Amino acid sequence: MKETLIRFIASAMLLAATCGLCVPAQAQGDGETNRQLLAAAKDGDQASLVAALQRGAAVDAMNRIGDTALITACTKGNVEMARTLIEHGANVQHASAPGVTPLMAASYGGFDDLVALLLAHGADLFTTDRVGKTAMEYAAGQGQTKVVSRLLDAGVDVNRLYKNDLTALMWAAGYDRADTVQLLLARGANPALKDNRGMTAKDIAVQTKSARVAGVLSAG
């Protein structure tokens, strides 16, 4: 019995050594290869990133603030790199220390192709960061109209209430994002909704001196 167990353990160790698929990706990385992976993502160096993965870097290795290579790629708008990382098993839901996910990073930057890629691989539309913001709020506040449209197409209610009863329209209005406001109105956003202070999108636009948006909302 003991000899059989020893032979079984030896066989398992040999199989793990010769078959990379038998060892979880997270267990393959070491400090140096993980650092190389993260550096490659920061530098936008696709060849070095692939090389680090081939050397066994953990695809979800993190830097000191919890950013993975995927979050970095999404922050920089690097679709090719993000696709490579996802194909190697990167977690599309991993959030950094401030709670920022790859989808939030891509939405903030207006990288529509990246947003599409992340959604196709299961990124959650409604995850919030540490201050309660979602990908839609990032996109609307930054005036990333194309991304806002894609998030709506993916299933976000145009009149969804976020923290403090803010809507995407209010976020866009407060930052003078006239094009985004027009899109949201065209998609059915209700300008009469009020936040927890009793302010409408137009009230917010006036308060923040967002003159273009106040004009659009007045015309509507």
C-alpha atoms as a PDB file:
ATOM      1  CA  MET A   1       0.000   0.000   0.000  1.00  0.00           C
ATOM      2  CA  LYS A   2       2.778   2.407   0.954  1.00  0.00           C
ATOM      3  CA  GLU A   3       4.738   1.610  -2.237  1.00  0.00           C
ATOM      4  CA  THR A   4       1.603   2.190  -4.330  1.00  0.00           C
ATOM      5  CA  LEU A   5       1.085   5.591  -2.707  1.00  0.00           C
ATOM      6  CA  ILE A   6       4.705   6.556  -3.318  1.00  0.00           C
ATOM      7  CA  ARG A   7       4.424   5.573  -6.986  1.00  0.00           C
ATOM      8  CA  PHE A   8       1.198   7.582  -7.306  1.00  0.00           C
ATOM      9  CA  ILE A   9       2.787  10.712  -5.815  1.00  0.00           C
ATOM     10  CA  ALA A  10       5.861  10.348  -8.022  1.00  0.00           C
ATOM     11  CA  SER A  11       3.701   9.965 -11.118  1.00  0.00           C
ATOM     12  CA  ALA A  12       1.667  13.035 -10.187  1.00  0.00           C
ATOM     13  CA  MET A  13       4.809  15.114  -9.676  1.00  0.00           C
ATOM     14  CA  LEU A  14       6.203  13.991 -13.030  1.00  0.00           C
ATOM     15  CA  LEU A  15       2.946  14.821 -14.777  1.00  0.00           C
ATOM     16  CA  ALA A  16       2.834  18.276 -13.181  1.00  0.00           C
ATOM     17  CA  ALA A  17       6.405  18.944 -14.242  1.00  0.00           C
ATOM     18  CA  THR A  18       5.781  17.969 -17.850  1.00  0.00           C
ATOM     19  CA  CYS A  19       2.266  19.356 -18.346  1.00  0.00           C
ATOM     20  CA  GLY A  20       1.780  23.079 -17.696  1.00  0.00           C
ATOM     21  CA  LEU A  21      -1.992  22.638 -17.851  1.00  0.00           C
ATOM     22  CA  CYS A  22      -1.847  20.532 -14.716  1.00  0.00           C
ATOM     23  CA  VAL A  23      -0.482  23.391 -12.618  1.00  0.00           C
ATOM     24  CA  PRO A  24      -2.762  26.357 -11.874  1.00  0.00           C
ATOM     25  CA  ALA A  25      -1.559  29.543 -13.577  1.00  0.00           C
ATOM     26  CA  GLN A  26      -1.475  31.383 -10.249  1.00  0.00           C
ATOM     27  CA  ALA A  27       0.989  28.822  -8.873  1.00  0.00           C
ATOM     28  CA  GLN A  28       3.425  29.168 -11.744  1.00  0.00           C
ATOM     29  CA  GLY A  29       4.526  32.731 -11.221  1.00  0.00           C
ATOM     30  CA  ASP A  30       7.521  33.881  -9.237  1.00  0.00           C
ATOM     31  CA  GLY A  31       8.449  37.367  -8.155  1.00  0.00           C
ATOM     32  CA  GLU A  32      10.714  38.132 -11.086  1.00  0.00           C
ATOM     33  CA  THR A  33       8.501  36.860 -13.905  1.00  0.00           C
ATOM     34  CA  ASN A  34       5.502  38.566 -12.324  1.00  0.00           C
ATOM     35  CA  ARG A  35       7.403  41.852 -12.212  1.00  0.00           C
ATOM     36  CA  GLN A  36       8.338  41.390 -15.863  1.00  0.00           C
ATOM     37  CA  LEU A  37       4.693  40.849 -16.759  1.00  0.00           C
ATOM     38  CA  LEU A  38       3.579  43.984 -14.937  1.00  0.00           C
ATOM     39  CA  ALA A  39       6.420  46.035 -16.417  1.00  0.00           C
ATOM     40  CA  ALA A  40       5.545  44.852 -19.924  1.00  0.00           C
ATOM     41  CA  ALA A  41       1.920  45.898 -19.417  1.00  0.00           C
ATOM     42  CA  LYS A  42       3.018  49.309 -18.150  1.00  0.00           C
ATOM     43  CA  ASP A  43       5.358  49.790 -21.112  1.00  0.00           C
ATOM     44  CA  GLY A  44       2.886  48.441 -23.666  1.00  0.00           C
ATOM     45  CA  ASP A  45       5.438  45.828 -24.680  1.00  0.00           C
ATOM     46  CA  GLN A  46       3.403  42.969 -26.133  1.00  0.00           C
ATOM     47  CA  ALA A  47       6.381  40.742 -26.933  1.00  0.00           C
ATOM     48  CA  SER A  48       7.759  40.985 -23.396  1.00  0.00           C
ATOM     49  CA  LEU A  49       4.321  40.350 -21.944  1.00  0.00           C
ATOM     50  CA  VAL A  50       3.918  37.172 -23.990  1.00  0.00           C
ATOM     51  CA  ALA A  51       7.431  36.091 -23.011  1.00  0.00           C
ATOM     52  CA  ALA A  52       6.673  36.602 -19.314  1.00  0.00           C
ATOM     53  CA  LEU A  53       3.513  34.526 -19.632  1.00  0.00           C
ATOM     54  CA  GLN A  54       5.438  31.795 -21.397  1.00  0.00           C
ATOM     55  CA  ARG A  55       7.973  31.813 -18.558  1.00  0.00           C
ATOM     56  CA  GLY A  56       5.144  31.160 -16.124  1.00  0.00           C
ATOM     57  CA  ALA A  57       4.159  34.585 -14.821  1.00  0.00           C
ATOM     58  CA  ALA A  58       0.884  34.585 -12.911  1.00  0.00           C
ATOM     59  CA  VAL A  59      -1.584  36.293 -15.240  1.00  0.00           C
ATOM     60  CA  ASP A  60      -3.332  38.012 -12.315  1.00  0.00           C
ATOM     61  CA  ALA A  61      -0.161  39.146 -10.551  1.00  0.00           C
ATOM     62  CA  MET A  62      -0.670  42.532  -8.863  1.00  0.00           C
ATOM     63  CA  ASN A  63       1.446  45.596  -8.219  1.00  0.00           C
ATOM     64  CA  ARG A  64       1.417  47.420  -4.897  1.00  0.00           C
ATOM     65  CA  ILE A  65      -1.960  49.072  -5.489  1.00  0.00           C
ATOM     66  CA  GLY A  66      -3.602  45.921  -6.721  1.00  0.00           C
ATOM     67  CA  ASP A  67      -3.432  46.648 -10.444  1.00  0.00           C
ATOM     68  CA  THR A  68      -3.092  43.584 -12.641  1.00  0.00           C
ATOM     69  CA  ALA A  69      -1.592  43.615 -16.112  1.00  0.00           C
ATOM     70  CA  LEU A  70      -5.153  43.567 -17.459  1.00  0.00           C
ATOM     71  CA  ILE A  71      -6.167  46.673 -15.520  1.00  0.00           C
ATOM     72  CA  THR A  72      -3.042  48.429 -16.793  1.00  0.00           C
ATOM     73  CA  ALA A  73      -3.748  47.366 -20.381  1.00  0.00           C
ATOM     74  CA  CYS A  74      -7.318  48.651 -20.076  1.00  0.00           C
ATOM     75  CA  THR A  75      -6.153  51.943 -18.580  1.00  0.00           C
ATOM     76  CA  LYS A  76      -3.849  52.420 -21.562  1.00  0.00           C
ATOM     77  CA  GLY A  77      -6.370  51.220 -24.146  1.00  0.00           C
ATOM     78  CA  ASN A  78      -4.244  48.314 -25.309  1.00  0.00           C
ATOM     79  CA  VAL A  79      -6.740  45.910 -26.891  1.00  0.00           C
ATOM     80  CA  GLU A  80      -4.165  43.416 -28.178  1.00  0.00           C
ATOM     81  CA  MET A  81      -2.565  43.077 -24.772  1.00  0.00           C
ATOM     82  CA  ALA A  82      -5.906  42.778 -22.996  1.00  0.00           C
ATOM     83  CA  ARG A  83      -7.006  40.056 -25.403  1.00  0.00           C
ATOM     84  CA  THR A  84      -3.788  38.112 -24.806  1.00  0.00           C
ATOM     85  CA  LEU A  85      -4.203  38.324 -21.034  1.00  0.00           C
ATOM     86  CA  ILE A  86      -7.840  37.244 -21.178  1.00  0.00           C
ATOM     87  CA  GLU A  87      -6.910  34.311 -23.411  1.00  0.00           C
ATOM     88  CA  HIS A  88      -4.435  33.299 -20.710  1.00  0.00           C
ATOM     89  CA  GLY A  89      -7.159  33.372 -18.063  1.00  0.00           C
ATOM     90  CA  ALA A  90      -6.969  36.895 -16.650  1.00  0.00           C
ATOM     91  CA  ASN A  91      -9.794  37.697 -14.250  1.00  0.00           C
ATOM     92  CA  VAL A  92     -11.938  40.394 -15.877  1.00  0.00           C
ATOM     93  CA  GLN A  93     -13.554  41.136 -12.507  1.00  0.00           C
ATOM     94  CA  HIS A  94     -10.375  41.698 -10.508  1.00  0.00           C
ATOM     95  CA  ALA A  95     -10.426  45.145  -8.906  1.00  0.00           C
ATOM     96  CA  SER A  96      -7.500  47.276  -7.754  1.00  0.00           C
ATOM     97  CA  ALA A  97      -7.218  48.589  -4.197  1.00  0.00           C
ATOM     98  CA  PRO A  98      -9.526  51.543  -5.001  1.00  0.00           C
ATOM     99  CA  GLY A  99     -11.995  49.048  -6.460  1.00  0.00           C
ATOM    100  CA  VAL A 100     -11.389  49.875 -10.121  1.00  0.00           C
ATOM    101  CA  THR A 101     -12.088  46.987 -12.480  1.00  0.00           C
ATOM    102  CA  PRO A 102     -10.832  46.577 -16.054  1.00  0.00           C
ATOM    103  CA  LEU A 103     -14.285  47.615 -17.329  1.00  0.00           C
ATOM    104  CA  MET A 104     -14.215  50.811 -15.282  1.00  0.00           C
ATOM    105  CA  ALA A 105     -10.721  51.642 -16.535  1.00  0.00           C
ATOM    106  CA  ALA A 106     -11.697  51.065 -20.161  1.00  0.00           C
ATOM    107  CA  SER A 107     -14.944  53.015 -19.753  1.00  0.00           C
ATOM    108  CA  TYR A 108     -13.186  55.987 -18.157  1.00  0.00           C
ATOM    109  CA  GLY A 109     -10.719  56.103 -21.032  1.00  0.00           C
ATOM    110  CA  GLY A 110     -13.392  55.725 -23.701  1.00  0.00           C
ATOM    111  CA  PHE A 111     -11.877  52.568 -25.152  1.00  0.00           C
ATOM    112  CA  ASP A 112     -14.971  51.132 -26.764  1.00  0.00           C
ATOM    113  CA  ASP A 113     -13.279  48.096 -28.351  1.00  0.00           C
ATOM    114  CA  LEU A 114     -11.911  47.145 -24.949  1.00  0.00           C
ATOM    115  CA  VAL A 115     -15.299  47.585 -23.328  1.00  0.00           C
ATOM    116  CA  ALA A 116     -16.795  45.266 -25.949  1.00  0.00           C
ATOM    117  CA  LEU A 117     -14.058  42.689 -25.328  1.00  0.00           C
ATOM    118  CA  LEU A 118     -14.537  42.754 -21.562  1.00  0.00           C
ATOM    119  CA  LEU A 119     -18.313  42.486 -21.799  1.00  0.00           C
ATOM    120  CA  ALA A 120     -17.966  39.542 -24.174  1.00  0.00           C
ATOM    121  CA  HIS A 121     -15.912  37.788 -21.495  1.00  0.00           C
ATOM    122  CA  GLY A 122     -18.319  38.361 -18.640  1.00  0.00           C
ATOM    123  CA  ALA A 123     -17.359  41.724 -17.133  1.00  0.00           C
ATOM    124  CA  ASP A 124     -20.124  42.852 -14.776  1.00  0.00           C
ATOM    125  CA  LEU A 125     -21.907  46.092 -15.657  1.00  0.00           C
ATOM    126  CA  PHE A 126     -22.904  46.981 -12.124  1.00  0.00           C
ATOM    127  CA  THR A 127     -19.791  46.362 -10.014  1.00  0.00           C
ATOM    128  CA  THR A 128     -18.963  49.433  -7.934  1.00  0.00           C
ATOM    129  CA  ASP A 129     -15.631  50.820  -6.839  1.00  0.00           C
ATOM    130  CA  ARG A 130     -14.792  51.869  -3.267  1.00  0.00           C
ATOM    131  CA  VAL A 131     -16.751  55.135  -3.627  1.00  0.00           C
ATOM    132  CA  GLY A 132     -19.753  53.455  -5.215  1.00  0.00           C
ATOM    133  CA  LYS A 133     -19.202  54.308  -8.892  1.00  0.00           C
ATOM    134  CA  THR A 134     -19.896  51.951 -11.784  1.00  0.00           C
ATOM    135  CA  ALA A 135     -18.520  51.785 -15.317  1.00  0.00           C
ATOM    136  CA  MET A 136     -21.492  53.837 -16.584  1.00  0.00           C
ATOM    137  CA  GLU A 137     -20.784  56.671 -14.176  1.00  0.00           C
ATOM    138  CA  TYR A 138     -17.148  56.721 -15.249  1.00  0.00           C
ATOM    139  CA  ALA A 139     -18.135  56.822 -18.909  1.00  0.00           C
ATOM    140  CA  ALA A 140     -20.911  59.410 -18.558  1.00  0.00           C
ATOM    141  CA  GLY A 141     -18.846  61.722 -16.374  1.00  0.00           C
ATOM    142  CA  GLN A 142     -15.983  61.623 -18.860  1.00  0.00           C
ATOM    143  CA  GLY A 143     -18.253  62.180 -21.844  1.00  0.00           C
ATOM    144  CA  GLN A 144     -17.353  58.834 -23.414  1.00  0.00           C
ATOM    145  CA  THR A 145     -20.479  58.806 -25.559  1.00  0.00           C
ATOM    146  CA  LYS A 146     -19.690  55.697 -27.579  1.00  0.00           C
ATOM    147  CA  VAL A 147     -18.999  53.692 -24.446  1.00  0.00           C
ATOM    148  CA  VAL A 148     -22.180  54.999 -22.801  1.00  0.00           C
ATOM    149  CA  SER A 149     -24.124  53.780 -25.834  1.00  0.00           C
ATOM    150  CA  ARG A 150     -22.498  50.352 -25.642  1.00  0.00           C
ATOM    151  CA  LEU A 151     -23.233  50.022 -21.930  1.00  0.00           C
ATOM    152  CA  LEU A 152     -26.868  50.891 -22.606  1.00  0.00           C
ATOM    153  CA  ASP A 153     -26.967  48.281 -25.364  1.00  0.00           C
ATOM    154  CA  ALA A 154     -25.487  45.767 -22.915  1.00  0.00           C
ATOM    155  CA  GLY A 155     -28.406  46.210 -20.536  1.00  0.00           C
ATOM    156  CA  VAL A 156     -27.887  49.274 -18.348  1.00  0.00           C
ATOM    157  CA  ASP A 157     -31.182  51.077 -17.727  1.00  0.00           C
ATOM    158  CA  VAL A 158     -30.831  54.639 -19.022  1.00  0.00           C
ATOM    159  CA  ASN A 159     -32.672  55.905 -15.926  1.00  0.00           C
ATOM    160  CA  ARG A 160     -30.890  53.699 -13.414  1.00  0.00           C
ATOM    161  CA  LEU A 161     -30.332  55.440 -10.077  1.00  0.00           C
ATOM    162  CA  TYR A 162     -26.792  55.337  -8.744  1.00  0.00           C
ATOM    163  CA  LYS A 163     -25.376  56.500  -5.433  1.00  0.00           C
ATOM    164  CA  ASN A 164     -27.203  59.588  -4.113  1.00  0.00           C
ATOM    165  CA  ASP A 165     -29.943  58.953  -6.698  1.00  0.00           C
ATOM    166  CA  LEU A 166     -27.768  60.289  -9.485  1.00  0.00           C
ATOM    167  CA  THR A 167     -28.439  59.164 -13.055  1.00  0.00           C
ATOM    168  CA  ALA A 168     -26.047  58.895 -15.977  1.00  0.00           C
ATOM    169  CA  LEU A 169     -27.696  62.045 -17.361  1.00  0.00           C
ATOM    170  CA  MET A 170     -26.843  63.926 -14.167  1.00  0.00           C
ATOM    171  CA  TRP A 171     -23.254  62.729 -14.283  1.00  0.00           C
ATOM    172  CA  ALA A 172     -22.880  63.901 -17.868  1.00  0.00           C
ATOM    173  CA  ALA A 173     -24.671  67.178 -17.138  1.00  0.00           C
ATOM    174  CA  GLY A 174     -22.456  68.003 -14.184  1.00  0.00           C
ATOM    175  CA  TYR A 175     -19.318  67.704 -16.294  1.00  0.00           C
ATOM    176  CA  ASP A 176     -20.644  69.630 -19.313  1.00  0.00           C
ATOM    177  CA  ARG A 177     -20.702  66.582 -21.585  1.00  0.00           C
ATOM    178  CA  ALA A 178     -23.215  67.890 -24.106  1.00  0.00           C
ATOM    179  CA  ASP A 179     -22.830  65.096 -26.663  1.00  0.00           C
ATOM    180  CA  THR A 180     -23.366  62.453 -24.006  1.00  0.00           C
ATOM    181  CA  VAL A 181     -26.381  64.309 -22.642  1.00  0.00           C
ATOM    182  CA  GLN A 182     -27.901  64.403 -26.127  1.00  0.00           C
ATOM    183  CA  LEU A 183     -27.335  60.673 -26.573  1.00  0.00           C
ATOM    184  CA  LEU A 184     -28.882  59.858 -23.203  1.00  0.00           C
ATOM    185  CA  LEU A 185     -31.916  61.998 -23.949  1.00  0.00           C
ATOM    186  CA  ALA A 186     -32.299  60.289 -27.328  1.00  0.00           C
ATOM    187  CA  ARG A 187     -32.134  56.920 -25.552  1.00  0.00           C
ATOM    188  CA  GLY A 188     -34.923  57.858 -23.158  1.00  0.00           C
ATOM    189  CA  ALA A 189     -33.224  59.527 -20.195  1.00  0.00           C
ATOM    190  CA  ASN A 190     -35.743  61.372 -18.014  1.00  0.00           C
ATOM    191  CA  PRO A 191     -34.549  64.947 -17.338  1.00  0.00           C
ATOM    192  CA  ALA A 192     -37.196  65.404 -14.623  1.00  0.00           C
ATOM    193  CA  LEU A 193     -35.639  62.872 -12.239  1.00  0.00           C
ATOM    194  CA  LYS A 194     -34.114  64.365  -9.082  1.00  0.00           C
ATOM    195  CA  ASP A 195     -31.152  63.326  -6.977  1.00  0.00           C
ATOM    196  CA  ASN A 196     -31.230  63.075  -3.185  1.00  0.00           C
ATOM    197  CA  ARG A 197     -30.839  66.859  -2.955  1.00  0.00           C
ATOM    198  CA  GLY A 198     -33.892  67.409  -5.131  1.00  0.00           C
ATOM    199  CA  MET A 199     -31.829  68.557  -8.129  1.00  0.00           C
ATOM    200  CA  THR A 200     -32.508  67.661 -11.749  1.00  0.00           C
ATOM    201  CA  ALA A 201     -29.831  67.265 -14.415  1.00  0.00           C
ATOM    202  CA  LYS A 202     -30.484  70.840 -15.537  1.00  0.00           C
ATOM    203  CA  ASP A 203     -30.154  72.123 -11.962  1.00  0.00           C
ATOM    204  CA  ILE A 204     -26.809  70.348 -11.700  1.00  0.00           C
ATOM    205  CA  ALA A 205     -25.666  71.789 -15.030  1.00  0.00           C
ATOM    206  CA  VAL A 206     -26.551  75.307 -13.886  1.00  0.00           C
ATOM    207  CA  GLN A 207     -24.844  74.797 -10.528  1.00  0.00           C
ATOM    208  CA  THR A 208     -21.642  73.592 -12.172  1.00  0.00           C
ATOM    209  CA  LYS A 209     -21.772  76.287 -14.860  1.00  0.00           C
ATOM    210  CA  SER A 210     -22.139  73.667 -17.582  1.00  0.00           C
ATOM    211  CA  ALA A 211     -23.664  76.150 -19.999  1.00  0.00           C
ATOM    212  CA  ARG A 212     -23.795  73.928 -23.079  1.00  0.00           C
ATOM    213  CA  VAL A 213     -25.630  71.193 -21.247  1.00  0.00           C
ATOM    214  CA  ALA A 214     -28.044  73.604 -19.588  1.00  0.00           C
ATOM    215  CA  GLY A 215     -28.890  74.839 -23.061  1.00  0.00           C
ATOM    216  CA  VAL A 216     -29.474  71.295 -24.377  1.00  0.00           C
ATOM    217  CA  LEU A 217     -31.689  70.436 -21.415  1.00  0.00           C
ATOM    218  CA  SER A 218     -33.629  73.669 -21.742  1.00  0.00           C
ATOM    219  CA  ALA A 219     -34.240  73.006 -25.412  1.00  0.00           C
ATOM    220  CA  GLY A 220     -35.424  69.509 -24.598  1.00  0.00           C
END
